[in-house]
Amino acid sequence: MCSKSSIMKTATVRDLRNRYTSLLSWIDAGEEIVITQRGKAIARLIPEQDRSTQTVDWSRSPAVKRDRSKARVLSGAESREIVHEASGEW
């Protein structure tokens, strides 16, 4: 499970898969994260040195460009169920 020590943060491979947005927020805050698998360090995630010059053009993202015109619109009940399922404890 994700942990914070006074020196460096660590996360398991499972954390990387399931909680990547939290880990990205740590990296965005300048933290280094050691990724562990079965108790052994296997990788290190570190923030880029000069993030101020990097920009993202979201208009080119496949998720933005995807044609949703034929996608089924969820009902309010379906939306509530998805939100309820996703709101469990981390």
C-alpha atoms as a PDB file:
ATOM      1  CA  MET A   1       0.000   0.000   0.000  1.00  0.00           C
ATOM      2  CA  CYS A   2       1.129   3.554  -0.616  1.00  0.00           C
ATOM      3  CA  SER A   3       3.235   4.905   2.190  1.00  0.00           C
ATOM      4  CA  LYS A   4       5.035   8.078   3.043  1.00  0.00           C
ATOM      5  CA  SER A   5       8.264   8.043   4.939  1.00  0.00           C
ATOM      6  CA  SER A   6      10.225  11.085   5.968  1.00  0.00           C
ATOM      7  CA  ILE A   7      12.748  10.308   3.216  1.00  0.00           C
ATOM      8  CA  MET A   8      10.895   8.910   0.210  1.00  0.00           C
ATOM      9  CA  LYS A   9       7.450   7.656  -0.729  1.00  0.00           C
ATOM     10  CA  THR A  10       6.926   4.054  -1.774  1.00  0.00           C
ATOM     11  CA  ALA A  11       4.133   2.314  -3.638  1.00  0.00           C
ATOM     12  CA  THR A  12       3.541  -1.246  -4.755  1.00  0.00           C
ATOM     13  CA  VAL A  13       2.985  -2.355  -8.325  1.00  0.00           C
ATOM     14  CA  ARG A  14      -0.692  -2.769  -7.370  1.00  0.00           C
ATOM     15  CA  ASP A  15      -0.780   0.851  -6.150  1.00  0.00           C
ATOM     16  CA  LEU A  16       0.721   1.944  -9.447  1.00  0.00           C
ATOM     17  CA  ARG A  17      -2.023   0.108 -11.329  1.00  0.00           C
ATOM     18  CA  ASN A  18      -4.967   1.060  -9.096  1.00  0.00           C
ATOM     19  CA  ARG A  19      -4.002   4.456  -7.669  1.00  0.00           C
ATOM     20  CA  TYR A  20      -1.980   6.056 -10.429  1.00  0.00           C
ATOM     21  CA  THR A  21      -3.759   9.409 -10.103  1.00  0.00           C
ATOM     22  CA  SER A  22      -2.625   9.701  -6.482  1.00  0.00           C
ATOM     23  CA  LEU A  23       0.901   8.772  -7.469  1.00  0.00           C
ATOM     24  CA  LEU A  24       0.849  11.337 -10.262  1.00  0.00           C
ATOM     25  CA  SER A  25      -0.188  14.004  -7.773  1.00  0.00           C
ATOM     26  CA  TRP A  26       2.818  13.063  -5.608  1.00  0.00           C
ATOM     27  CA  ILE A  27       5.117  13.340  -8.631  1.00  0.00           C
ATOM     28  CA  ASP A  28       3.499  16.643  -9.608  1.00  0.00           C
ATOM     29  CA  ALA A  29       4.301  17.887  -6.096  1.00  0.00           C
ATOM     30  CA  GLY A  30       7.971  17.023  -6.686  1.00  0.00           C
ATOM     31  CA  GLU A  31       8.058  13.725  -4.774  1.00  0.00           C
ATOM     32  CA  GLU A  32      10.103  10.711  -5.814  1.00  0.00           C
ATOM     33  CA  ILE A  33       8.343   7.355  -5.519  1.00  0.00           C
ATOM     34  CA  VAL A  34       9.981   3.936  -5.211  1.00  0.00           C
ATOM     35  CA  ILE A  35       7.866   1.179  -6.770  1.00  0.00           C
ATOM     36  CA  THR A  36       8.107  -2.176  -5.020  1.00  0.00           C
ATOM     37  CA  GLN A  37       7.100  -5.685  -6.009  1.00  0.00           C
ATOM     38  CA  ARG A  38       7.005  -8.408  -3.386  1.00  0.00           C
ATOM     39  CA  GLY A  39       8.875  -6.126  -1.019  1.00  0.00           C
ATOM     40  CA  LYS A  40      11.752  -5.336  -3.381  1.00  0.00           C
ATOM     41  CA  ALA A  41      12.344  -1.984  -5.055  1.00  0.00           C
ATOM     42  CA  ILE A  42      12.038  -2.412  -8.825  1.00  0.00           C
ATOM     43  CA  ALA A  43      11.680   1.139 -10.145  1.00  0.00           C
ATOM     44  CA  ARG A  44      11.758   4.776  -9.213  1.00  0.00           C
ATOM     45  CA  LEU A  45       9.377   7.454 -10.495  1.00  0.00           C
ATOM     46  CA  ILE A  46      10.797  10.946 -10.457  1.00  0.00           C
ATOM     47  CA  PRO A  47       9.403  14.261 -11.651  1.00  0.00           C
ATOM     48  CA  GLU A  48      10.807  15.876 -14.773  1.00  0.00           C
ATOM     49  CA  GLN A  49      13.402  18.544 -14.051  1.00  0.00           C
ATOM     50  CA  ASP A  50      11.771  21.414 -15.945  1.00  0.00           C
ATOM     51  CA  ARG A  51       8.015  20.908 -15.982  1.00  0.00           C
ATOM     52  CA  SER A  52       7.320  24.623 -16.540  1.00  0.00           C
ATOM     53  CA  THR A  53       8.252  24.408 -20.230  1.00  0.00           C
ATOM     54  CA  GLN A  54       6.124  21.349 -20.939  1.00  0.00           C
ATOM     55  CA  THR A  55       2.667  21.799 -22.368  1.00  0.00           C
ATOM     56  CA  VAL A  56      -0.016  19.321 -23.291  1.00  0.00           C
ATOM     57  CA  ASP A  57      -2.291  19.794 -26.269  1.00  0.00           C
ATOM     58  CA  TRP A  58      -5.388  17.949 -25.065  1.00  0.00           C
ATOM     59  CA  SER A  59      -7.192  18.672 -28.345  1.00  0.00           C
ATOM     60  CA  ARG A  60      -5.002  15.974 -29.928  1.00  0.00           C
ATOM     61  CA  SER A  61      -5.850  13.385 -27.290  1.00  0.00           C
ATOM     62  CA  PRO A  62      -7.581  10.250 -28.629  1.00  0.00           C
ATOM     63  CA  ALA A  63     -10.024  10.478 -25.717  1.00  0.00           C
ATOM     64  CA  VAL A  64     -11.077  13.970 -26.832  1.00  0.00           C
ATOM     65  CA  LYS A  65     -11.210  13.084 -30.518  1.00  0.00           C
ATOM     66  CA  ARG A  66     -13.278   9.920 -29.987  1.00  0.00           C
ATOM     67  CA  ASP A  67     -16.658   9.952 -31.732  1.00  0.00           C
ATOM     68  CA  ARG A  68     -19.270   9.646 -29.003  1.00  0.00           C
ATOM     69  CA  SER A  69     -22.273  10.326 -31.228  1.00  0.00           C
ATOM     70  CA  LYS A  70     -23.404   6.685 -31.118  1.00  0.00           C
ATOM     71  CA  ALA A  71     -22.540   6.106 -27.467  1.00  0.00           C
ATOM     72  CA  ARG A  72     -25.400   5.156 -25.175  1.00  0.00           C
ATOM     73  CA  VAL A  73     -26.255   7.811 -22.600  1.00  0.00           C
ATOM     74  CA  LEU A  74     -26.407   6.419 -19.068  1.00  0.00           C
ATOM     75  CA  SER A  75     -29.495   6.938 -16.970  1.00  0.00           C
ATOM     76  CA  GLY A  76     -29.277   8.726 -13.643  1.00  0.00           C
ATOM     77  CA  ALA A  77     -29.619   5.395 -11.823  1.00  0.00           C
ATOM     78  CA  GLU A  78     -26.782   3.844 -13.857  1.00  0.00           C
ATOM     79  CA  SER A  79     -24.583   6.857 -13.196  1.00  0.00           C
ATOM     80  CA  ARG A  80     -25.305   6.713  -9.449  1.00  0.00           C
ATOM     81  CA  GLU A  81     -24.442   3.008  -9.396  1.00  0.00           C
ATOM     82  CA  ILE A  82     -21.090   3.614 -11.109  1.00  0.00           C
ATOM     83  CA  VAL A  83     -20.256   6.451  -8.710  1.00  0.00           C
ATOM     84  CA  HIS A  84     -21.317   4.306  -5.735  1.00  0.00           C
ATOM     85  CA  GLU A  85     -19.116   1.394  -6.882  1.00  0.00           C
ATOM     86  CA  ALA A  86     -16.156   3.700  -7.403  1.00  0.00           C
ATOM     87  CA  SER A  87     -16.478   5.404  -4.017  1.00  0.00           C
ATOM     88  CA  GLY A  88     -15.214   2.476  -1.923  1.00  0.00           C
ATOM     89  CA  GLU A  89     -12.279   2.784   0.430  1.00  0.00           C
ATOM     90  CA  TRP A  90      -8.846   2.915  -1.119  1.00  0.00           C
END
